[in-house]
Amino acid sequence: MIISHKYKFIFLKTKKTASTSTELFLFDHILPSDVVTPLARSKQTEQRGHRAYNNIRSAHVLDPYPLLNKFIPMKSRKWVDYHDHMQANQVRDYVGEKVWNDYFKFAFDRNIYDRQVSHYHWFVRSEARKKCYQNFDDYLTHEPEAKLTNFDIYSIDGKVAVDFLGRYDRLSDDLGKILSHLGLKPEIELQRAHGHYRPKDINYRDYYTEATRAQVASSYPGEMAIFDWQF
């Protein structure tokens, strides 16, 4: 999640939408005074020189936590600090109504059927989880964390709260439109940060039965109302 005070934008980071790659791309336009939430260390983050900025907030005036973090990096407190995949209402409450209303807010989402398969492969990336869930049906049926809602990230009170809601399947084009609106060069070269967990030669439709297709369709009413995602 990024808040740029120079370019006056707020990037809300959704799940399984190349959001880490997008954040790494946007990081080139970030100043030390902006808010950037932490990312896991990787080759991509090291290449970009990515680091968290100003994500540690003060719970009260005398809170030593932000100052200590400058000398001894500390993990954020998700009930107080800025963090990945924050919901729009949380960000609004943190930045205040004026910044929230004045800044250009954007996020991305993805076809729910494709997104679900992507999450499945990410979720069972470890051998232990592969043993627990032999296939996609097992994961959908028995894993409580299988449901992956993005709607709450970019909506408030059931209504879309961002100025631009892009699509994963046209990520570069939509990101180019956003950059043009912000007065930045719309030259996009995204490095996919987590794209190696999923086999590239299998279509997402091949994972579904009629039952699991219906299950996923009914699990994301917010996303379906906006995009009417087709199988």
Foldseek 3Di string as FASTA:
>chain_A
DKAAPVLLEAEAAAPQLLSVLVLLVCVVVHDLVIADAADDDDPSCVVSVDDGHPQADAPDDPRCVVVVCVVPNDDHDVVHGDHHNAFPVVVCVVVDVVSLVRGAYEYEDEQLLVSLQVVVLVVCVDPVSCVQAVASVSCVVPPPPSQGESLRRQDDPLHGSGPYYHYSVCVLVSVLVVCVVSVHHSDDDTDRDPPPRDDPPDDSVVRDDPVVVVVSVVRYPSVCVVPVRDD
